[in-house]
Amino acid sequence: MRLLGVDPGQSTGLCVVEVVDRLPYMRHTIMVQLEDLAQELNRIKILYSPTQIVCEDYKIRSYQARINANKRVRHGPAMQVIGMVKALYLDSPIAFQDPNILDTAERQSGVSSPGNHAIGHWMDAYNHVFRWLRNHDMIMSPSEVYHD
């Protein structure tokens, strides 16, 4: 099984993960700017044919809308990314995850974002995939991996 993880934004993190014998392997990681995203998503679709997409969800909460009502806020890139993913991967199921799962996912996967979040979006994409796989019992738990 191959999965595509997506951490949407102006700089979008993408990570292709392949599961072999219940172990996740990163096959492709990249951070791509919004203007180059459609081309990269097509390239990934052709080269890796992911069968499941896992994307960080993006919601504008009511309190954010009120706070930002009179400001020019750049919510657009994340929403554009999600729209592109939905349009280009019509045949693949897309699972959306709350960004709040990342702390737990980082602890479980051992892949932590660097202090500078701007360079770690692909790691967040991987952790969304990792968490989805663990929630669906599709990869081994650490105790299974390290069992003698």
N, C-alpha and C. Protein backbone atom coordinates (compact mmCIF):
# COMPACT_ATOMS: atom_id res chain seq x y z
N MET A 1 0.85 -1.17 0.00
CA MET A 1 0.00 0.00 0.00
C MET A 1 0.90 1.24 0.00
N ARG A 2 0.53 2.21 -0.81
CA ARG A 2 1.24 3.48 -0.86
C ARG A 2 0.29 4.60 -0.47
N LEU A 3 0.79 5.48 0.37
CA LEU A 3 0.00 6.59 0.87
C LEU A 3 0.72 7.90 0.59
N LEU A 4 -0.05 8.95 0.40
CA LEU A 4 0.50 10.29 0.24
C LEU A 4 0.06 11.13 1.43
N GLY A 5 1.04 11.67 2.15
CA GLY A 5 0.75 12.59 3.23
C GLY A 5 0.89 14.01 2.74
N VAL A 6 0.00 14.88 3.20
CA VAL A 6 -0.01 16.27 2.76
C VAL A 6 -0.13 17.19 3.97
N ASP A 7 0.83 18.10 4.09
CA ASP A 7 0.77 19.17 5.09
C ASP A 7 0.58 20.47 4.30
N PRO A 8 -0.68 20.95 4.18
CA PRO A 8 -0.99 22.03 3.24
C PRO A 8 -0.57 23.41 3.74
N GLY A 9 -0.22 24.27 2.79
CA GLY A 9 0.12 25.66 3.07
C GLY A 9 0.83 26.27 1.88
N GLN A 10 1.31 27.49 2.03
CA GLN A 10 2.07 28.13 0.96
C GLN A 10 3.27 27.27 0.59
N SER A 11 3.93 26.73 1.60
CA SER A 11 4.98 25.73 1.41
C SER A 11 4.39 24.41 1.91
N THR A 12 4.07 23.53 0.98
CA THR A 12 3.37 22.28 1.32
C THR A 12 4.35 21.13 1.45
N GLY A 13 4.19 20.38 2.52
CA GLY A 13 4.99 19.18 2.70
C GLY A 13 4.26 17.98 2.13
N LEU A 14 4.99 17.16 1.37
CA LEU A 14 4.44 15.94 0.80
C LEU A 14 5.35 14.78 1.17
N CYS A 15 4.76 13.63 1.43
CA CYS A 15 5.54 12.45 1.76
C CYS A 15 4.80 11.21 1.26
N VAL A 16 5.48 10.42 0.44
CA VAL A 16 4.92 9.15 -0.01
C VAL A 16 5.49 8.06 0.90
N VAL A 17 4.58 7.27 1.46
CA VAL A 17 4.96 6.19 2.36
C VAL A 17 4.44 4.88 1.78
N GLU A 18 5.31 3.88 1.75
CA GLU A 18 4.90 2.55 1.32
C GLU A 18 4.96 1.62 2.51
N VAL A 19 3.93 0.81 2.68
CA VAL A 19 3.89 -0.16 3.77
C VAL A 19 4.23 -1.53 3.19
N VAL A 20 5.30 -2.12 3.74
CA VAL A 20 5.74 -3.45 3.33
C VAL A 20 5.91 -4.28 4.60
N ASP A 21 5.24 -5.41 4.66
CA ASP A 21 5.31 -6.28 5.84
C ASP A 21 5.04 -5.51 7.13
N ARG A 22 4.01 -4.66 7.09
CA ARG A 22 3.57 -3.87 8.24
C ARG A 22 4.61 -2.88 8.74
N LEU A 23 5.56 -2.50 7.88
CA LEU A 23 6.54 -1.47 8.22
C LEU A 23 6.43 -0.32 7.23
N PRO A 24 6.44 0.94 7.73
CA PRO A 24 6.33 2.10 6.83
C PRO A 24 7.71 2.53 6.32
N TYR A 25 7.79 2.77 5.02
CA TYR A 25 9.02 3.25 4.39
C TYR A 25 8.73 4.54 3.64
N MET A 26 9.53 5.57 3.91
CA MET A 26 9.41 6.82 3.16
C MET A 26 10.00 6.59 1.78
N ARG A 27 9.22 6.85 0.76
CA ARG A 27 9.70 6.68 -0.62
C ARG A 27 9.99 8.00 -1.30
N HIS A 28 9.36 9.06 -0.84
CA HIS A 28 9.54 10.37 -1.49
C HIS A 28 9.12 11.44 -0.50
N THR A 29 9.96 12.43 -0.29
CA THR A 29 9.60 13.57 0.55
C THR A 29 10.00 14.85 -0.18
N ILE A 30 9.18 15.87 -0.04
CA ILE A 30 9.49 17.14 -0.70
C ILE A 30 8.65 18.23 -0.06
N MET A 31 9.20 19.43 -0.10
CA MET A 31 8.43 20.62 0.22
C MET A 31 8.31 21.40 -1.07
N VAL A 32 7.11 21.83 -1.40
CA VAL A 32 6.87 22.46 -2.68
C VAL A 32 6.02 23.72 -2.49
N GLN A 33 6.33 24.74 -3.24
CA GLN A 33 5.57 25.98 -3.19
C GLN A 33 4.25 25.81 -3.93
N LEU A 34 3.28 26.59 -3.55
CA LEU A 34 1.93 26.48 -4.09
C LEU A 34 1.91 26.51 -5.62
N GLU A 35 2.72 27.38 -6.23
CA GLU A 35 2.69 27.50 -7.69
C GLU A 35 3.22 26.26 -8.41
N ASP A 36 3.96 25.40 -7.71
CA ASP A 36 4.51 24.18 -8.31
C ASP A 36 3.78 22.92 -7.86
N LEU A 37 2.76 23.08 -7.04
CA LEU A 37 2.13 21.93 -6.40
C LEU A 37 1.41 21.00 -7.37
N ALA A 38 0.63 21.54 -8.29
CA ALA A 38 -0.13 20.67 -9.20
C ALA A 38 0.81 19.77 -10.00
N GLN A 39 1.91 20.32 -10.46
CA GLN A 39 2.88 19.52 -11.22
C GLN A 39 3.47 18.40 -10.34
N GLU A 40 3.80 18.72 -9.09
CA GLU A 40 4.37 17.71 -8.20
C GLU A 40 3.35 16.64 -7.83
N LEU A 41 2.11 17.04 -7.60
CA LEU A 41 1.07 16.06 -7.30
C LEU A 41 0.85 15.11 -8.47
N ASN A 42 0.87 15.63 -9.69
CA ASN A 42 0.75 14.78 -10.88
C ASN A 42 1.94 13.83 -10.99
N ARG A 43 3.13 14.35 -10.73
CA ARG A 43 4.35 13.52 -10.79
C ARG A 43 4.26 12.37 -9.79
N ILE A 44 3.84 12.67 -8.58
CA ILE A 44 3.70 11.64 -7.54
C ILE A 44 2.65 10.62 -7.95
N LYS A 45 1.55 11.08 -8.52
CA LYS A 45 0.49 10.17 -8.95
C LYS A 45 1.01 9.19 -10.00
N ILE A 46 1.80 9.68 -10.95
CA ILE A 46 2.35 8.84 -12.01
C ILE A 46 3.43 7.88 -11.47
N LEU A 47 4.34 8.39 -10.66
CA LEU A 47 5.47 7.58 -10.19
C LEU A 47 5.11 6.59 -9.08
N TYR A 48 4.20 6.98 -8.19
CA TYR A 48 3.95 6.17 -6.99
C TYR A 48 2.53 5.62 -6.88
N SER A 49 1.59 6.17 -7.58
CA SER A 49 0.19 5.71 -7.55
C SER A 49 -0.33 5.47 -6.13
N PRO A 50 -0.33 6.51 -5.28
CA PRO A 50 -0.83 6.29 -3.92
C PRO A 50 -2.31 5.90 -3.93
N THR A 51 -2.65 4.98 -3.03
CA THR A 51 -4.03 4.50 -2.96
C THR A 51 -4.81 5.12 -1.81
N GLN A 52 -4.12 5.88 -0.97
CA GLN A 52 -4.77 6.56 0.16
C GLN A 52 -4.06 7.90 0.35
N ILE A 53 -4.82 8.95 0.56
CA ILE A 53 -4.28 10.27 0.85
C ILE A 53 -4.61 10.60 2.29
N VAL A 54 -3.63 11.14 3.02
CA VAL A 54 -3.86 11.59 4.39
C VAL A 54 -3.41 13.05 4.43
N CYS A 55 -4.35 13.93 4.74
CA CYS A 55 -4.09 15.36 4.66
C CYS A 55 -4.44 16.03 5.98
N GLU A 56 -3.59 16.96 6.39
CA GLU A 56 -3.94 17.76 7.56
C GLU A 56 -5.17 18.60 7.23
N ASP A 57 -6.13 18.56 8.11
CA ASP A 57 -7.36 19.31 7.89
C ASP A 57 -7.12 20.78 8.18
N TYR A 58 -7.92 21.60 7.57
CA TYR A 58 -7.81 23.04 7.76
C TYR A 58 -9.20 23.60 7.95
N LYS A 59 -9.42 24.20 9.08
CA LYS A 59 -10.72 24.78 9.38
C LYS A 59 -10.51 26.18 9.93
N ILE A 60 -11.34 27.08 9.49
CA ILE A 60 -11.34 28.41 10.09
C ILE A 60 -12.40 28.38 11.19
N ARG A 61 -11.95 28.48 12.41
CA ARG A 61 -12.86 28.45 13.54
C ARG A 61 -13.59 29.79 13.65
N SER A 62 -14.75 29.79 14.26
CA SER A 62 -15.57 31.00 14.33
C SER A 62 -14.82 32.13 15.05
N TYR A 63 -14.08 31.81 16.11
CA TYR A 63 -13.36 32.87 16.82
C TYR A 63 -12.26 33.46 15.94
N GLN A 64 -11.64 32.63 15.07
CA GLN A 64 -10.63 33.15 14.15
C GLN A 64 -11.26 34.09 13.13
N ALA A 65 -12.43 33.71 12.66
CA ALA A 65 -13.13 34.54 11.68
C ALA A 65 -13.45 35.91 12.27
N ARG A 66 -13.91 35.92 13.53
CA ARG A 66 -14.23 37.20 14.17
C ARG A 66 -12.97 38.04 14.37
N ILE A 67 -11.90 37.42 14.84
CA ILE A 67 -10.65 38.14 15.08
C ILE A 67 -10.09 38.71 13.79
N ASN A 68 -10.20 37.93 12.72
CA ASN A 68 -9.57 38.31 11.46
C ASN A 68 -10.52 39.00 10.48
N ALA A 69 -11.73 39.32 10.93
CA ALA A 69 -12.74 39.88 10.02
C ALA A 69 -12.27 41.15 9.34
N ASN A 70 -11.55 41.98 10.04
CA ASN A 70 -11.11 43.25 9.46
C ASN A 70 -9.65 43.24 9.04
N LYS A 71 -9.03 42.08 9.03
CA LYS A 71 -7.63 41.96 8.63
C LYS A 71 -7.55 41.17 7.33
N ARG A 72 -6.47 41.37 6.63
CA ARG A 72 -6.23 40.56 5.43
C ARG A 72 -5.46 39.32 5.88
N VAL A 73 -6.12 38.19 5.88
CA VAL A 73 -5.55 36.95 6.40
C VAL A 73 -5.32 35.99 5.25
N ARG A 74 -4.19 35.29 5.30
CA ARG A 74 -3.83 34.38 4.22
C ARG A 74 -4.22 32.95 4.53
N HIS A 75 -5.53 32.70 4.58
CA HIS A 75 -6.01 31.33 4.74
C HIS A 75 -6.00 30.60 3.41
N GLY A 76 -5.91 31.36 2.32
CA GLY A 76 -6.06 30.81 0.98
C GLY A 76 -5.17 29.66 0.61
N PRO A 77 -3.84 29.72 0.87
CA PRO A 77 -2.98 28.63 0.39
C PRO A 77 -3.38 27.24 0.87
N ALA A 78 -3.68 27.08 2.14
CA ALA A 78 -4.04 25.75 2.65
C ALA A 78 -5.32 25.25 1.99
N MET A 79 -6.28 26.13 1.82
CA MET A 79 -7.54 25.73 1.17
C MET A 79 -7.31 25.39 -0.29
N GLN A 80 -6.42 26.14 -0.97
CA GLN A 80 -6.11 25.84 -2.37
C GLN A 80 -5.43 24.48 -2.50
N VAL A 81 -4.52 24.18 -1.57
CA VAL A 81 -3.84 22.88 -1.60
C VAL A 81 -4.85 21.76 -1.46
N ILE A 82 -5.74 21.87 -0.49
CA ILE A 82 -6.75 20.83 -0.28
C ILE A 82 -7.62 20.68 -1.51
N GLY A 83 -7.98 21.78 -2.14
CA GLY A 83 -8.77 21.71 -3.37
C GLY A 83 -8.02 21.00 -4.49
N MET A 84 -6.73 21.29 -4.64
CA MET A 84 -5.92 20.63 -5.67
C MET A 84 -5.83 19.13 -5.42
N VAL A 85 -5.60 18.76 -4.19
CA VAL A 85 -5.49 17.34 -3.84
C VAL A 85 -6.81 16.64 -4.16
N LYS A 86 -7.91 17.23 -3.76
CA LYS A 86 -9.22 16.62 -4.05
C LYS A 86 -9.46 16.49 -5.55
N ALA A 87 -9.07 17.50 -6.31
CA ALA A 87 -9.31 17.48 -7.76
C ALA A 87 -8.42 16.47 -8.48
N LEU A 88 -7.17 16.36 -8.06
CA LEU A 88 -6.21 15.50 -8.76
C LEU A 88 -6.27 14.04 -8.31
N TYR A 89 -6.84 13.77 -7.15
CA TYR A 89 -6.90 12.41 -6.63
C TYR A 89 -8.36 11.99 -6.43
N LEU A 90 -9.17 12.18 -7.44
CA LEU A 90 -10.59 11.85 -7.36
C LEU A 90 -10.85 10.38 -7.05
N ASP A 91 -9.95 9.50 -7.51
CA ASP A 91 -10.16 8.06 -7.35
C ASP A 91 -9.58 7.51 -6.04
N SER A 92 -8.93 8.35 -5.25
CA SER A 92 -8.31 7.88 -4.01
C SER A 92 -9.06 8.45 -2.81
N PRO A 93 -9.26 7.62 -1.79
CA PRO A 93 -9.89 8.15 -0.58
C PRO A 93 -8.94 9.14 0.10
N ILE A 94 -9.53 10.19 0.66
CA ILE A 94 -8.75 11.20 1.36
C ILE A 94 -9.22 11.25 2.81
N ALA A 95 -8.29 11.05 3.72
CA ALA A 95 -8.59 11.15 5.15
C ALA A 95 -8.02 12.48 5.65
N PHE A 96 -8.81 13.20 6.39
CA PHE A 96 -8.36 14.47 6.96
C PHE A 96 -8.11 14.28 8.45
N GLN A 97 -7.00 14.86 8.92
CA GLN A 97 -6.64 14.75 10.33
C GLN A 97 -6.46 16.12 10.94
N ASP A 98 -6.86 16.23 12.17
CA ASP A 98 -6.67 17.46 12.92
C ASP A 98 -5.18 17.69 13.14
N PRO A 99 -4.70 18.92 13.02
CA PRO A 99 -3.28 19.18 13.25
C PRO A 99 -2.84 18.86 14.67
N ASN A 100 -3.77 18.78 15.62
CA ASN A 100 -3.42 18.52 17.01
C ASN A 100 -2.85 17.12 17.25
N ILE A 101 -2.95 16.22 16.28
CA ILE A 101 -2.43 14.86 16.48
C ILE A 101 -0.91 14.80 16.30
N LEU A 102 -0.30 15.88 15.82
CA LEU A 102 1.12 15.81 15.46
C LEU A 102 2.04 15.53 16.63
N ASP A 103 1.77 16.08 17.80
CA ASP A 103 2.64 15.80 18.95
C ASP A 103 2.69 14.31 19.26
N THR A 104 1.52 13.69 19.30
CA THR A 104 1.45 12.24 19.56
C THR A 104 2.11 11.46 18.44
N ALA A 105 1.84 11.85 17.21
CA ALA A 105 2.41 11.14 16.06
C ALA A 105 3.93 11.24 16.06
N GLU A 106 4.48 12.40 16.40
CA GLU A 106 5.94 12.56 16.45
C GLU A 106 6.55 11.64 17.49
N ARG A 107 5.91 11.54 18.65
CA ARG A 107 6.43 10.64 19.69
C ARG A 107 6.39 9.19 19.23
N GLN A 108 5.31 8.80 18.56
CA GLN A 108 5.17 7.41 18.12
C GLN A 108 6.10 7.07 16.96
N SER A 109 6.28 8.00 16.02
CA SER A 109 7.08 7.70 14.83
C SER A 109 8.56 7.93 15.04
N GLY A 110 8.90 8.82 15.97
CA GLY A 110 10.31 9.19 16.15
C GLY A 110 10.78 10.22 15.14
N VAL A 111 9.89 10.73 14.31
CA VAL A 111 10.22 11.76 13.32
C VAL A 111 9.66 13.08 13.82
N SER A 112 10.55 13.94 14.31
CA SER A 112 10.12 15.22 14.88
C SER A 112 10.45 16.37 13.96
N SER A 113 9.54 17.32 13.90
CA SER A 113 9.79 18.53 13.13
C SER A 113 10.90 19.33 13.80
N PRO A 114 11.73 19.98 13.00
CA PRO A 114 12.78 20.81 13.59
C PRO A 114 12.17 22.05 14.24
N GLY A 115 12.97 22.76 15.01
CA GLY A 115 12.48 23.98 15.64
C GLY A 115 11.95 24.98 14.62
N ASN A 116 12.57 25.01 13.44
CA ASN A 116 12.12 25.89 12.37
C ASN A 116 11.07 25.16 11.54
N HIS A 117 9.80 25.42 11.83
CA HIS A 117 8.71 24.69 11.18
C HIS A 117 8.73 24.86 9.67
N ALA A 118 9.29 25.96 9.18
CA ALA A 118 9.29 26.24 7.74
C ALA A 118 10.03 25.17 6.94
N ILE A 119 10.93 24.43 7.58
CA ILE A 119 11.68 23.40 6.85
C ILE A 119 11.21 21.99 7.18
N GLY A 120 10.15 21.86 7.98
CA GLY A 120 9.72 20.55 8.42
C GLY A 120 8.35 20.09 7.95
N HIS A 121 7.80 20.74 6.94
CA HIS A 121 6.45 20.37 6.52
C HIS A 121 6.35 18.93 6.01
N TRP A 122 7.39 18.44 5.35
CA TRP A 122 7.33 17.04 4.88
C TRP A 122 7.29 16.08 6.06
N MET A 123 7.92 16.45 7.18
CA MET A 123 7.89 15.60 8.38
C MET A 123 6.48 15.55 8.96
N ASP A 124 5.80 16.68 8.94
CA ASP A 124 4.41 16.69 9.39
C ASP A 124 3.55 15.82 8.48
N ALA A 125 3.81 15.88 7.17
CA ALA A 125 3.07 15.04 6.22
C ALA A 125 3.30 13.56 6.56
N TYR A 126 4.55 13.20 6.85
CA TYR A 126 4.86 11.81 7.22
C TYR A 126 4.12 11.43 8.50
N ASN A 127 4.14 12.30 9.48
CA ASN A 127 3.51 11.97 10.76
C ASN A 127 1.99 11.83 10.64
N HIS A 128 1.39 12.57 9.73
CA HIS A 128 -0.05 12.36 9.50
C HIS A 128 -0.29 10.96 8.93
N VAL A 129 0.55 10.54 8.00
CA VAL A 129 0.41 9.18 7.44
C VAL A 129 0.66 8.15 8.53
N PHE A 130 1.74 8.34 9.29
CA PHE A 130 2.08 7.39 10.34
C PHE A 130 0.92 7.21 11.32
N ARG A 131 0.35 8.31 11.76
CA ARG A 131 -0.76 8.24 12.72
C ARG A 131 -1.98 7.53 12.11
N TRP A 132 -2.26 7.81 10.83
CA TRP A 132 -3.38 7.15 10.17
C TRP A 132 -3.14 5.64 10.12
N LEU A 133 -1.91 5.24 9.79
CA LEU A 133 -1.58 3.82 9.72
C LEU A 133 -1.70 3.15 11.09
N ARG A 134 -1.25 3.83 12.15
CA ARG A 134 -1.36 3.27 13.50
C ARG A 134 -2.83 3.16 13.91
N ASN A 135 -3.62 4.17 13.59
CA ASN A 135 -5.04 4.14 13.95
C ASN A 135 -5.78 3.01 13.25
N HIS A 136 -5.29 2.60 12.09
CA HIS A 136 -5.93 1.53 11.32
C HIS A 136 -5.19 0.19 11.48
N ASP A 137 -4.27 0.13 12.45
CA ASP A 137 -3.52 -1.09 12.76
C ASP A 137 -2.88 -1.71 11.51
N MET A 138 -2.29 -0.85 10.68
CA MET A 138 -1.68 -1.32 9.44
C MET A 138 -0.16 -1.40 9.52
N ILE A 139 0.39 -0.92 10.63
CA ILE A 139 1.84 -1.04 10.83
C ILE A 139 2.08 -1.59 12.23
N MET A 140 3.26 -2.16 12.39
CA MET A 140 3.60 -2.77 13.68
C MET A 140 3.77 -1.71 14.76
N SER A 141 3.43 -2.09 15.94
CA SER A 141 3.69 -1.24 17.10
C SER A 141 5.18 -1.38 17.44
N PRO A 142 5.74 -0.43 18.17
CA PRO A 142 7.15 -0.57 18.56
C PRO A 142 7.47 -1.87 19.28
N SER A 143 6.53 -2.38 20.09
CA SER A 143 6.80 -3.64 20.80
C SER A 143 6.89 -4.81 19.83
N GLU A 144 6.14 -4.77 18.73
CA GLU A 144 6.24 -5.84 17.72
C GLU A 144 7.57 -5.74 16.95
N VAL A 145 8.00 -4.52 16.66
CA VAL A 145 9.22 -4.31 15.88
C VAL A 145 10.44 -4.78 16.67
N TYR A 146 10.47 -4.47 17.96
CA TYR A 146 11.66 -4.77 18.77
C TYR A 146 11.55 -6.06 19.55
N HIS A 147 10.58 -6.89 19.27
CA HIS A 147 10.41 -8.16 19.96
C HIS A 147 11.48 -9.14 19.47
N ASP A 148 12.10 -9.86 20.39
CA ASP A 148 13.15 -10.84 20.03
C ASP A 148 12.58 -12.07 19.38
